Amino acid sequence: MSSPLFGDDALAPRPREIRPGAVHIPGYLTPEQQAWTVRAYAEWRSGPVPAHRALIGGKPMSVESLGLGWHWRQGGYTPSAPEFDGARPLPLPDWLARLAARAVADAQLLTEADLTPDGPFEPDVALANYYAPGARMGMHQDADERRRAPVVSLSLGDSCVFRLGNTEHRNRPYEDVRLASGDLFVFGGPCRFAFHGVPSVLDGTGPRGIGLSADDGGPGGRINITLRETGLG
C-alpha cells in the first residue's frame, strides 16, 4: 500500500498530530481496501469464537467484539475462550499485521514521539468491534498489554466521535475527533495509556460501495479494528 501522506488533493482532510504520540490520517484505506476488510470481517464474525457482547462488570457491552490471534475478556487476553467451550480464536491474518506495521511507520513520520519504545511494532492481536446503531463505548485505557507498542485503529462504515482523553482519569481534559470510514488513528508514546472512548456513532454517514451501509444491503453501523502487541509470546 502506498503512503497516504503526500496526496495532491488540497481539499482532502490532512493528516495531523492531535497531540504528541496521537496521529490521525484521514482516508488511509482506499474504498477497495475498505470493502475487502468489510468482507473479511463478515467471515471472522461467525467464529470459531463469534462476535459477541463481552461482559464488563457483569453487564454486556453495547458493541459486538471478536479477537484475532488472542481472545479478549475483562481481565486480559487468553489463548482460548471459556465462554465458547474453550474455542480458539482465528489467527491474526498476515495482511492485517503488515498493514498495521505500515500504519505505524506512516504515523511515525508525523510525530517526534517514539511510537515504538520497545522495538519494531509486531502486532499479534486484533480486536474487531461492531457498533450497531446506538452503540457506544465508555472511556477506558488499553492496558492489558505487556508492551508499550502503539495502538492502531482502523474505521469502517459510519463516522463516529472518538474521544481522546488524558492518562490520569476518565474526565476532562479530552478532545473529540471525528473518525470517518477508512481513517487511521494511531496512539502511542506519551498517549499510549490515554483514556479514550466512542460517545456516539453518526448513523447513516457511512459510504456506499463497501458493503456495510443499508444502501449496499448491509446492516449499517461501524466496524473498528484495533491492532496491538500483547507481549505474551
Foldseek 3Di string as FASTA:
>chain_A
DDFPQDDDPPPDDHWAAPDAQKIKHAQQDPLVRLLVVVVVLVVQQVDVDHFAFADDPNHGAQKTKAKAQWGDHPPATDQFDVVNVGHGGHHDDPVVQVVQQVVVVSRCVHHPFDQAPPDRFGWGMKMKIWHAAPGWWAWAWPDRAPGQHKKKKAKAFFKFWKWWAAQPDRDDDIDTDIHAHNMIIIGGGRSNGTIMITPHTDWPRGDPDSCDHVVNVHRGTMMMMMTHHRPPD
